[in-house]
Amino acid sequence: MRGIVVGVNGSVESDEALDWALREAATAAAPLTLVMVDAGAGKGADAAAHEAALAPVREEAQGLLDAARARTGVDVEGTVAALPGPAADRLLELGADADMLVLGRRRRGRLGRAVLGSVSTTVVEHAVVPVTVVRHGNPDGADDVPAEPAPRIVVGVDTSAPSVAALRHACEVAGRTGASIDAVFAWQITTLAPLPGSWGWAPPVEDYEKFAADSLAEAVRAAGVTLPPERLNRRVVHGQAAKQLVLAAQGAERLVVGARGLGGFDRLLLGSVSRQVLDFAPCPVTVVRG
């Protein structure tokens, strides 16, 4: 199944994710599949009873799709899938060969922080395709950020293969939407290993800055970026990576980060940067598995 797969549950958050997914499907000229899961539908029943139990779920899902089309004015090829739970398992199965999975992000938790929720967390950690999590509403202070005249995509870049995949994905989106890209390489002197050939002393800060800039240039080369130079802004910044990416994403159309594709128990760990930007970014976040 190619195209965009979006999970919905009738909440405000999932409506916003559905609107975003419709627009994404339109720019990508891709079909959209809306997935609605009822964990208790048809449990323990025969096939006929099972199908009857899912019929109202399918009807509700179709209503959500029709309402989203009316809200956004976007009419792309779309189908609905009403399935029994668990929700995360069904989304991962349907999205295994999709172009992208899209989910909404839950409202703020008890500590005032936006939280992913168990379904979104499971899907992001296990999906083999890009996953976009759409934040509900605006974070504190986001209303004060002036609207930008043209779409901008922020990409977190480091020395890893997943970040190259993230940059490549962002360039594909920019190529079809006309967006510009901010490729951000954040570094901290306390986290970088000594440069080759340096022993017992700390190289000048300029050496680290050059290493970061060279690493960013290598990532751009490896990603095969073909955007015009004026639409690719290379930024080397000093500071904690997640914080710098969240700051850079103010006013952006989306933030794209890579996640390392590990096996076994390690695969369940997103990594601190990916997790933090999912919690705090002021815009939709796309996680690309390397």
C-alpha atoms as a PDB file:
ATOM      1  CA  MET A   1       0.000   0.000   0.000  1.00  0.00           C
ATOM      2  CA  ARG A   2       1.649   3.197  -1.151  1.00  0.00           C
ATOM      3  CA  GLY A   3       0.411   6.644  -0.193  1.00  0.00           C
ATOM      4  CA  ILE A   4      -0.376   8.357   3.109  1.00  0.00           C
ATOM      5  CA  VAL A   5      -1.903   6.418   6.036  1.00  0.00           C
ATOM      6  CA  VAL A   6      -3.470   8.492   8.806  1.00  0.00           C
ATOM      7  CA  GLY A   7      -4.877   7.221  12.089  1.00  0.00           C
ATOM      8  CA  VAL A   8      -8.022   8.905  13.437  1.00  0.00           C
ATOM      9  CA  ASN A   9     -10.246   8.491  16.494  1.00  0.00           C
ATOM     10  CA  GLY A  10     -12.701  11.392  16.264  1.00  0.00           C
ATOM     11  CA  SER A  11     -10.691  13.707  18.542  1.00  0.00           C
ATOM     12  CA  VAL A  12      -9.664  17.276  17.757  1.00  0.00           C
ATOM     13  CA  GLU A  13      -6.058  16.107  17.561  1.00  0.00           C
ATOM     14  CA  SER A  14      -6.825  13.446  14.973  1.00  0.00           C
ATOM     15  CA  ASP A  15      -8.903  15.929  12.941  1.00  0.00           C
ATOM     16  CA  GLU A  16      -5.858  18.177  12.710  1.00  0.00           C
ATOM     17  CA  ALA A  17      -3.683  15.225  11.707  1.00  0.00           C
ATOM     18  CA  LEU A  18      -6.237  14.281   9.041  1.00  0.00           C
ATOM     19  CA  ASP A  19      -6.274  17.818   7.625  1.00  0.00           C
ATOM     20  CA  TRP A  20      -2.463  17.788   7.465  1.00  0.00           C
ATOM     21  CA  ALA A  21      -2.446  14.346   5.836  1.00  0.00           C
ATOM     22  CA  LEU A  22      -4.938  15.462   3.185  1.00  0.00           C
ATOM     23  CA  ARG A  23      -2.725  18.383   2.197  1.00  0.00           C
ATOM     24  CA  GLU A  24       0.354  16.153   2.191  1.00  0.00           C
ATOM     25  CA  ALA A  25      -1.377  13.606  -0.038  1.00  0.00           C
ATOM     26  CA  ALA A  26      -2.414  16.390  -2.418  1.00  0.00           C
ATOM     27  CA  THR A  27       1.110  17.784  -2.841  1.00  0.00           C
ATOM     28  CA  ALA A  28       2.522  14.262  -3.215  1.00  0.00           C
ATOM     29  CA  ALA A  29      -0.226  13.204  -5.649  1.00  0.00           C
ATOM     30  CA  ALA A  30      -0.650  10.155  -3.404  1.00  0.00           C
ATOM     31  CA  PRO A  31      -3.761   8.289  -2.232  1.00  0.00           C
ATOM     32  CA  LEU A  32      -4.886   8.637   1.368  1.00  0.00           C
ATOM     33  CA  THR A  33      -6.015   5.825   3.661  1.00  0.00           C
ATOM     34  CA  LEU A  34      -7.880   6.812   6.810  1.00  0.00           C
ATOM     35  CA  VAL A  35      -7.689   4.192   9.569  1.00  0.00           C
ATOM     36  CA  MET A  36     -10.133   4.051  12.467  1.00  0.00           C
ATOM     37  CA  VAL A  37      -9.815   1.303  15.065  1.00  0.00           C
ATOM     38  CA  ASP A  38     -12.380  -0.006  17.531  1.00  0.00           C
ATOM     39  CA  ALA A  39     -10.618  -2.227  20.045  1.00  0.00           C
ATOM     40  CA  GLY A  40     -13.818  -4.019  21.073  1.00  0.00           C
ATOM     41  CA  ALA A  41     -15.583  -4.351  17.747  1.00  0.00           C
ATOM     42  CA  GLY A  42     -16.564  -7.921  16.970  1.00  0.00           C
ATOM     43  CA  LYS A  43     -14.373  -9.416  19.676  1.00  0.00           C
ATOM     44  CA  GLY A  44     -15.172 -13.109  19.975  1.00  0.00           C
ATOM     45  CA  ALA A  45     -17.854 -12.937  17.259  1.00  0.00           C
ATOM     46  CA  ASP A  46     -18.226 -14.789  13.983  1.00  0.00           C
ATOM     47  CA  ALA A  47     -17.336 -13.125  10.678  1.00  0.00           C
ATOM     48  CA  ALA A  48     -20.807 -11.721  10.025  1.00  0.00           C
ATOM     49  CA  ALA A  49     -21.172 -10.279  13.529  1.00  0.00           C
ATOM     50  CA  HIS A  50     -17.647  -8.957  13.337  1.00  0.00           C
ATOM     51  CA  GLU A  51     -18.393  -7.100  10.104  1.00  0.00           C
ATOM     52  CA  ALA A  52     -21.667  -5.762  11.504  1.00  0.00           C
ATOM     53  CA  ALA A  53     -19.864  -4.402  14.566  1.00  0.00           C
ATOM     54  CA  LEU A  54     -17.376  -2.523  12.377  1.00  0.00           C
ATOM     55  CA  ALA A  55     -20.022  -1.035  10.066  1.00  0.00           C
ATOM     56  CA  PRO A  56     -20.745   2.027  12.272  1.00  0.00           C
ATOM     57  CA  VAL A  57     -17.003   2.554  12.720  1.00  0.00           C
ATOM     58  CA  ARG A  58     -16.566   2.612   8.950  1.00  0.00           C
ATOM     59  CA  GLU A  59     -19.480   5.029   8.601  1.00  0.00           C
ATOM     60  CA  GLU A  60     -17.980   7.359  11.208  1.00  0.00           C
ATOM     61  CA  ALA A  61     -14.588   7.220   9.485  1.00  0.00           C
ATOM     62  CA  GLN A  62     -16.157   8.131   6.144  1.00  0.00           C
ATOM     63  CA  GLY A  63     -17.903  11.061   7.831  1.00  0.00           C
ATOM     64  CA  LEU A  64     -14.582  12.283   9.232  1.00  0.00           C
ATOM     65  CA  LEU A  65     -12.996  12.102   5.787  1.00  0.00           C
ATOM     66  CA  ASP A  66     -15.885  13.984   4.165  1.00  0.00           C
ATOM     67  CA  ALA A  67     -15.754  16.677   6.875  1.00  0.00           C
ATOM     68  CA  ALA A  68     -11.989  17.084   6.442  1.00  0.00           C
ATOM     69  CA  ARG A  69     -12.379  17.478   2.688  1.00  0.00           C
ATOM     70  CA  ALA A  70     -14.958  20.199   3.284  1.00  0.00           C
ATOM     71  CA  ARG A  71     -12.766  21.956   5.884  1.00  0.00           C
ATOM     72  CA  THR A  72      -9.608  21.974   3.822  1.00  0.00           C
ATOM     73  CA  GLY A  73     -11.024  22.214   0.314  1.00  0.00           C
ATOM     74  CA  VAL A  74      -8.689  19.343  -0.598  1.00  0.00           C
ATOM     75  CA  ASP A  75     -10.215  16.434  -2.492  1.00  0.00           C
ATOM     76  CA  VAL A  76      -7.753  13.614  -3.051  1.00  0.00           C
ATOM     77  CA  GLU A  77      -8.327   9.919  -3.624  1.00  0.00           C
ATOM     78  CA  GLY A  78      -9.178   8.507  -0.219  1.00  0.00           C
ATOM     79  CA  THR A  79     -10.417   5.293   1.333  1.00  0.00           C
ATOM     80  CA  VAL A  80     -11.388   4.364   4.870  1.00  0.00           C
ATOM     81  CA  ALA A  81     -10.437   1.256   6.836  1.00  0.00           C
ATOM     82  CA  ALA A  82     -12.384   0.249   9.956  1.00  0.00           C
ATOM     83  CA  LEU A  83     -10.483  -2.351  11.940  1.00  0.00           C
ATOM     84  CA  PRO A  84     -10.458  -4.078  15.325  1.00  0.00           C
ATOM     85  CA  GLY A  85      -7.634  -3.136  17.703  1.00  0.00           C
ATOM     86  CA  PRO A  86      -5.049  -2.817  18.998  1.00  0.00           C
ATOM     87  CA  ALA A  87      -4.660   0.515  17.214  1.00  0.00           C
ATOM     88  CA  ALA A  88      -0.857   0.658  17.051  1.00  0.00           C
ATOM     89  CA  ASP A  89      -0.629  -2.860  15.577  1.00  0.00           C
ATOM     90  CA  ARG A  90      -3.184  -2.113  12.866  1.00  0.00           C
ATOM     91  CA  LEU A  91      -1.495   1.171  11.899  1.00  0.00           C
ATOM     92  CA  LEU A  92       1.903  -0.490  11.692  1.00  0.00           C
ATOM     93  CA  GLU A  93       0.516  -3.304   9.542  1.00  0.00           C
ATOM     94  CA  LEU A  94      -1.286  -1.002   7.097  1.00  0.00           C
ATOM     95  CA  GLY A  95       1.581   1.462   7.022  1.00  0.00           C
ATOM     96  CA  ALA A  96       4.374  -1.074   6.521  1.00  0.00           C
ATOM     97  CA  ASP A  97       4.785  -0.156   2.847  1.00  0.00           C
ATOM     98  CA  ALA A  98       3.184   3.307   2.897  1.00  0.00           C
ATOM     99  CA  ASP A  99       4.987   6.494   1.934  1.00  0.00           C
ATOM    100  CA  MET A 100       4.178   7.960   5.354  1.00  0.00           C
ATOM    101  CA  LEU A 101       2.183   7.369   8.522  1.00  0.00           C
ATOM    102  CA  VAL A 102       0.468  10.409  10.096  1.00  0.00           C
ATOM    103  CA  LEU A 103      -0.800  10.696  13.672  1.00  0.00           C
ATOM    104  CA  GLY A 104      -2.054  13.406  15.991  1.00  0.00           C
ATOM    105  CA  ARG A 105      -0.377  14.327  19.232  1.00  0.00           C
ATOM    106  CA  ARG A 106      -2.280  14.321  22.499  1.00  0.00           C
ATOM    107  CA  ARG A 107      -2.948  17.485  24.462  1.00  0.00           C
ATOM    108  CA  ARG A 108      -0.804  18.623  27.367  1.00  0.00           C
ATOM    109  CA  GLY A 109      -0.361  16.294  30.297  1.00  0.00           C
ATOM    110  CA  ARG A 110      -0.431  16.984  34.025  1.00  0.00           C
ATOM    111  CA  LEU A 111       2.963  18.667  33.952  1.00  0.00           C
ATOM    112  CA  GLY A 112       1.919  21.037  31.170  1.00  0.00           C
ATOM    113  CA  ARG A 113       3.983  19.261  28.536  1.00  0.00           C
ATOM    114  CA  ALA A 114       2.641  17.895  25.278  1.00  0.00           C
ATOM    115  CA  VAL A 115       2.778  14.122  25.394  1.00  0.00           C
ATOM    116  CA  LEU A 116       2.681  11.618  22.594  1.00  0.00           C
ATOM    117  CA  GLY A 117       0.375   8.976  23.982  1.00  0.00           C
ATOM    118  CA  SER A 118       0.922   5.232  23.851  1.00  0.00           C
ATOM    119  CA  VAL A 119      -0.300   4.652  20.267  1.00  0.00           C
ATOM    120  CA  SER A 120       1.814   7.430  18.764  1.00  0.00           C
ATOM    121  CA  THR A 121       4.852   6.364  20.779  1.00  0.00           C
ATOM    122  CA  THR A 122       4.562   2.738  19.674  1.00  0.00           C
ATOM    123  CA  VAL A 123       4.082   3.651  16.013  1.00  0.00           C
ATOM    124  CA  VAL A 124       6.994   6.099  15.925  1.00  0.00           C
ATOM    125  CA  GLU A 125       9.324   3.634  17.637  1.00  0.00           C
ATOM    126  CA  HIS A 126       8.465   0.645  15.433  1.00  0.00           C
ATOM    127  CA  ALA A 127       7.553   2.031  12.009  1.00  0.00           C
ATOM    128  CA  VAL A 128       9.924   1.385   9.111  1.00  0.00           C
ATOM    129  CA  VAL A 129       8.500   4.295   7.081  1.00  0.00           C
ATOM    130  CA  PRO A 130       8.530   8.021   7.885  1.00  0.00           C
ATOM    131  CA  VAL A 131       6.060   8.983  10.616  1.00  0.00           C
ATOM    132  CA  THR A 132       4.715  12.513  11.024  1.00  0.00           C
ATOM    133  CA  VAL A 133       3.223  13.536  14.366  1.00  0.00           C
ATOM    134  CA  VAL A 134       1.013  16.634  14.125  1.00  0.00           C
ATOM    135  CA  ARG A 135       0.862  18.742  17.226  1.00  0.00           C
ATOM    136  CA  HIS A 136      -2.502  19.914  18.546  1.00  0.00           C
ATOM    137  CA  GLY A 137      -2.785  23.699  18.566  1.00  0.00           C
ATOM    138  CA  ASN A 138       0.173  25.962  19.279  1.00  0.00           C
ATOM    139  CA  PRO A 139       2.792  25.760  22.028  1.00  0.00           C
ATOM    140  CA  ASP A 140       3.247  28.607  24.482  1.00  0.00           C
ATOM    141  CA  GLY A 141       4.289  31.749  22.658  1.00  0.00           C
ATOM    142  CA  ALA A 142       3.847  30.304  19.167  1.00  0.00           C
ATOM    143  CA  ASP A 143       1.051  32.777  18.409  1.00  0.00           C
ATOM    144  CA  ASP A 144       3.633  35.553  18.742  1.00  0.00           C
ATOM    145  CA  VAL A 145       5.753  34.136  15.915  1.00  0.00           C
ATOM    146  CA  PRO A 146       5.017  36.050  12.684  1.00  0.00           C
ATOM    147  CA  ALA A 147       3.820  33.995   9.747  1.00  0.00           C
ATOM    148  CA  GLU A 148       6.556  33.219   7.262  1.00  0.00           C
ATOM    149  CA  PRO A 149       6.014  34.208   3.612  1.00  0.00           C
ATOM    150  CA  ALA A 150       7.133  30.838   2.231  1.00  0.00           C
ATOM    151  CA  PRO A 151       7.179  27.304   3.669  1.00  0.00           C
ATOM    152  CA  ARG A 152      10.367  26.255   5.451  1.00  0.00           C
ATOM    153  CA  ILE A 153      11.482  22.795   6.536  1.00  0.00           C
ATOM    154  CA  VAL A 154      14.019  22.343   9.336  1.00  0.00           C
ATOM    155  CA  VAL A 155      16.187  19.195   9.269  1.00  0.00           C
ATOM    156  CA  GLY A 156      18.410  17.952  12.056  1.00  0.00           C
ATOM    157  CA  VAL A 157      21.745  16.783  10.643  1.00  0.00           C
ATOM    158  CA  ASP A 158      24.611  14.983  12.370  1.00  0.00           C
ATOM    159  CA  THR A 159      27.184  12.423  11.249  1.00  0.00           C
ATOM    160  CA  SER A 160      24.731   9.490  11.138  1.00  0.00           C
ATOM    161  CA  ALA A 161      23.089   7.721   8.200  1.00  0.00           C
ATOM    162  CA  PRO A 162      19.555   8.376   9.598  1.00  0.00           C
ATOM    163  CA  SER A 163      20.152  12.116   9.441  1.00  0.00           C
ATOM    164  CA  VAL A 164      21.177  11.792   5.788  1.00  0.00           C
ATOM    165  CA  ALA A 165      17.908   9.914   5.173  1.00  0.00           C
ATOM    166  CA  ALA A 166      16.050  12.720   6.960  1.00  0.00           C
ATOM    167  CA  LEU A 167      17.719  15.339   4.762  1.00  0.00           C
ATOM    168  CA  ARG A 168      16.924  13.332   1.620  1.00  0.00           C
ATOM    169  CA  HIS A 169      13.268  13.062   2.699  1.00  0.00           C
ATOM    170  CA  ALA A 170      13.071  16.791   3.405  1.00  0.00           C
ATOM    171  CA  CYS A 171      14.490  17.571  -0.021  1.00  0.00           C
ATOM    172  CA  GLU A 172      11.850  15.384  -1.668  1.00  0.00           C
ATOM    173  CA  VAL A 173       9.138  17.332   0.161  1.00  0.00           C
ATOM    174  CA  ALA A 174      10.732  20.676  -0.677  1.00  0.00           C
ATOM    175  CA  GLY A 175      10.988  19.678  -4.325  1.00  0.00           C
ATOM    176  CA  ARG A 176       7.222  19.264  -4.620  1.00  0.00           C
ATOM    177  CA  THR A 177       6.095  22.058  -2.286  1.00  0.00           C
ATOM    178  CA  GLY A 178       8.564  24.827  -3.113  1.00  0.00           C
ATOM    179  CA  ALA A 179       9.750  24.994   0.494  1.00  0.00           C
ATOM    180  CA  SER A 180      13.232  26.021   1.541  1.00  0.00           C
ATOM    181  CA  ILE A 181      15.352  23.913   3.903  1.00  0.00           C
ATOM    182  CA  ASP A 182      17.263  24.834   7.021  1.00  0.00           C
ATOM    183  CA  ALA A 183      19.805  22.049   7.529  1.00  0.00           C
ATOM    184  CA  VAL A 184      20.910  22.430  11.154  1.00  0.00           C
ATOM    185  CA  PHE A 185      24.038  20.802  12.552  1.00  0.00           C
ATOM    186  CA  ALA A 186      24.190  21.391  16.324  1.00  0.00           C
ATOM    187  CA  TRP A 187      27.384  20.615  18.173  1.00  0.00           C
ATOM    188  CA  GLN A 188      28.714  20.846  21.719  1.00  0.00           C
ATOM    189  CA  ILE A 189      32.385  20.800  22.571  1.00  0.00           C
ATOM    190  CA  THR A 190      31.636  18.602  25.591  1.00  0.00           C
ATOM    191  CA  THR A 191      30.144  15.868  23.423  1.00  0.00           C
ATOM    192  CA  LEU A 192      32.596  15.712  20.523  1.00  0.00           C
ATOM    193  CA  ALA A 193      35.524  13.301  20.638  1.00  0.00           C
ATOM    194  CA  PRO A 194      39.046  14.654  20.131  1.00  0.00           C
ATOM    195  CA  LEU A 195      39.857  15.304  16.502  1.00  0.00           C
ATOM    196  CA  PRO A 196      42.172  12.777  14.816  1.00  0.00           C
ATOM    197  CA  GLY A 197      45.793  13.477  15.672  1.00  0.00           C
ATOM    198  CA  SER A 198      45.027  15.513  18.818  1.00  0.00           C
ATOM    199  CA  TRP A 199      46.310  14.108  22.102  1.00  0.00           C
ATOM    200  CA  GLY A 200      46.100  15.623  25.563  1.00  0.00           C
ATOM    201  CA  TRP A 201      44.849  19.009  24.499  1.00  0.00           C
ATOM    202  CA  ALA A 202      41.632  20.610  23.329  1.00  0.00           C
ATOM    203  CA  PRO A 203      41.768  21.872  19.747  1.00  0.00           C
ATOM    204  CA  PRO A 204      40.637  25.454  19.095  1.00  0.00           C
ATOM    205  CA  VAL A 205      36.905  26.021  18.877  1.00  0.00           C
ATOM    206  CA  GLU A 206      37.387  26.962  15.218  1.00  0.00           C
ATOM    207  CA  ASP A 207      38.529  23.390  14.534  1.00  0.00           C
ATOM    208  CA  TYR A 208      35.298  22.001  15.944  1.00  0.00           C
ATOM    209  CA  GLU A 209      33.253  24.499  13.952  1.00  0.00           C
ATOM    210  CA  LYS A 210      35.090  23.475  10.799  1.00  0.00           C
ATOM    211  CA  PHE A 211      34.537  19.794  11.602  1.00  0.00           C
ATOM    212  CA  ALA A 212      30.794  20.459  12.036  1.00  0.00           C
ATOM    213  CA  ALA A 213      30.608  22.473   8.819  1.00  0.00           C
ATOM    214  CA  ASP A 214      32.514  19.781   6.901  1.00  0.00           C
ATOM    215  CA  SER A 215      30.235  17.085   8.339  1.00  0.00           C
ATOM    216  CA  LEU A 216      27.167  19.056   7.255  1.00  0.00           C
ATOM    217  CA  ALA A 217      28.622  19.483   3.754  1.00  0.00           C
ATOM    218  CA  GLU A 218      29.268  15.726   3.576  1.00  0.00           C
ATOM    219  CA  ALA A 219      25.667  14.991   4.639  1.00  0.00           C
ATOM    220  CA  VAL A 220      24.382  17.322   1.904  1.00  0.00           C
ATOM    221  CA  ARG A 221      26.569  15.497  -0.630  1.00  0.00           C
ATOM    222  CA  ALA A 222      25.506  12.053   0.607  1.00  0.00           C
ATOM    223  CA  ALA A 223      21.825  13.014   0.461  1.00  0.00           C
ATOM    224  CA  GLY A 224      22.168  14.037  -3.181  1.00  0.00           C
ATOM    225  CA  VAL A 225      20.647  17.469  -2.581  1.00  0.00           C
ATOM    226  CA  THR A 226      19.752  19.187  -5.853  1.00  0.00           C
ATOM    227  CA  LEU A 227      17.853  22.206  -4.532  1.00  0.00           C
ATOM    228  CA  PRO A 228      19.024  25.633  -5.705  1.00  0.00           C
ATOM    229  CA  PRO A 229      21.567  27.119  -3.263  1.00  0.00           C
ATOM    230  CA  GLU A 230      19.164  29.881  -2.228  1.00  0.00           C
ATOM    231  CA  ARG A 231      16.697  27.253  -0.949  1.00  0.00           C
ATOM    232  CA  LEU A 232      19.236  25.365   1.187  1.00  0.00           C
ATOM    233  CA  ASN A 233      20.364  27.198   4.296  1.00  0.00           C
ATOM    234  CA  ARG A 234      23.236  25.422   6.071  1.00  0.00           C
ATOM    235  CA  ARG A 235      23.384  26.277   9.765  1.00  0.00           C
ATOM    236  CA  VAL A 236      26.101  25.205  12.194  1.00  0.00           C
ATOM    237  CA  VAL A 237      25.124  26.108  15.755  1.00  0.00           C
ATOM    238  CA  HIS A 238      26.661  25.500  19.154  1.00  0.00           C
ATOM    239  CA  GLY A 239      24.271  24.035  21.713  1.00  0.00           C
ATOM    240  CA  GLN A 240      22.211  21.023  22.713  1.00  0.00           C
ATOM    241  CA  ALA A 241      20.778  19.527  19.537  1.00  0.00           C
ATOM    242  CA  ALA A 242      17.111  19.158  20.520  1.00  0.00           C
ATOM    243  CA  LYS A 243      16.939  22.669  21.949  1.00  0.00           C
ATOM    244  CA  GLN A 244      18.522  24.205  18.854  1.00  0.00           C
ATOM    245  CA  LEU A 245      16.175  22.285  16.545  1.00  0.00           C
ATOM    246  CA  VAL A 246      13.098  23.353  18.506  1.00  0.00           C
ATOM    247  CA  LEU A 247      14.246  26.982  18.347  1.00  0.00           C
ATOM    248  CA  ALA A 248      14.978  26.722  14.627  1.00  0.00           C
ATOM    249  CA  ALA A 249      11.527  25.217  14.009  1.00  0.00           C
ATOM    250  CA  GLN A 250       9.653  28.311  15.196  1.00  0.00           C
ATOM    251  CA  GLY A 251       7.467  29.282  12.248  1.00  0.00           C
ATOM    252  CA  ALA A 252       8.573  26.284  10.169  1.00  0.00           C
ATOM    253  CA  GLU A 253       6.219  24.075   8.169  1.00  0.00           C
ATOM    254  CA  ARG A 254       7.748  20.931   9.661  1.00  0.00           C
ATOM    255  CA  LEU A 255      10.803  19.536  11.426  1.00  0.00           C
ATOM    256  CA  VAL A 256      12.461  16.372  10.111  1.00  0.00           C
ATOM    257  CA  VAL A 257      14.804  14.208  12.197  1.00  0.00           C
ATOM    258  CA  GLY A 258      16.372  10.795  11.768  1.00  0.00           C
ATOM    259  CA  ALA A 259      16.021   7.851  14.132  1.00  0.00           C
ATOM    260  CA  ARG A 260      18.560   5.065  14.276  1.00  0.00           C
ATOM    261  CA  GLY A 261      17.191   1.714  13.064  1.00  0.00           C
ATOM    262  CA  LEU A 262      18.362  -0.675  15.752  1.00  0.00           C
ATOM    263  CA  GLY A 263      17.312  -4.246  16.453  1.00  0.00           C
ATOM    264  CA  GLY A 264      16.003  -5.969  19.558  1.00  0.00           C
ATOM    265  CA  PHE A 265      15.327  -3.946  22.680  1.00  0.00           C
ATOM    266  CA  ASP A 266      17.429  -1.034  21.429  1.00  0.00           C
ATOM    267  CA  ARG A 267      14.949  -0.471  18.610  1.00  0.00           C
ATOM    268  CA  LEU A 268      12.402   0.611  21.212  1.00  0.00           C
ATOM    269  CA  LEU A 269      14.523   3.618  22.108  1.00  0.00           C
ATOM    270  CA  LEU A 270      14.003   6.628  19.864  1.00  0.00           C
ATOM    271  CA  GLY A 271      16.981   8.540  21.138  1.00  0.00           C
ATOM    272  CA  SER A 272      16.953  11.676  23.240  1.00  0.00           C
ATOM    273  CA  VAL A 273      16.935  14.184  20.378  1.00  0.00           C
ATOM    274  CA  SER A 274      14.052  12.573  18.483  1.00  0.00           C
ATOM    275  CA  ARG A 275      12.051  12.154  21.666  1.00  0.00           C
ATOM    276  CA  GLN A 276      12.606  15.728  22.840  1.00  0.00           C
ATOM    277  CA  VAL A 277      11.656  17.351  19.549  1.00  0.00           C
ATOM    278  CA  LEU A 278       8.503  15.216  19.400  1.00  0.00           C
ATOM    279  CA  ASP A 279       7.581  16.531  22.839  1.00  0.00           C
ATOM    280  CA  PHE A 280       8.469  20.178  22.351  1.00  0.00           C
ATOM    281  CA  ALA A 281       8.578  21.159  18.670  1.00  0.00           C
ATOM    282  CA  PRO A 282       6.094  23.903  17.675  1.00  0.00           C
ATOM    283  CA  CYS A 283       5.272  22.264  14.324  1.00  0.00           C
ATOM    284  CA  PRO A 284       4.654  18.794  12.849  1.00  0.00           C
ATOM    285  CA  VAL A 285       7.622  16.465  13.314  1.00  0.00           C
ATOM    286  CA  THR A 286       8.588  13.780  10.786  1.00  0.00           C
ATOM    287  CA  VAL A 287      10.779  10.957  12.062  1.00  0.00           C
ATOM    288  CA  VAL A 288      12.686   9.099   9.330  1.00  0.00           C
ATOM    289  CA  ARG A 289      14.150   5.698  10.098  1.00  0.00           C
ATOM    290  CA  GLY A 290      17.682   5.274   8.763  1.00  0.00           C
END
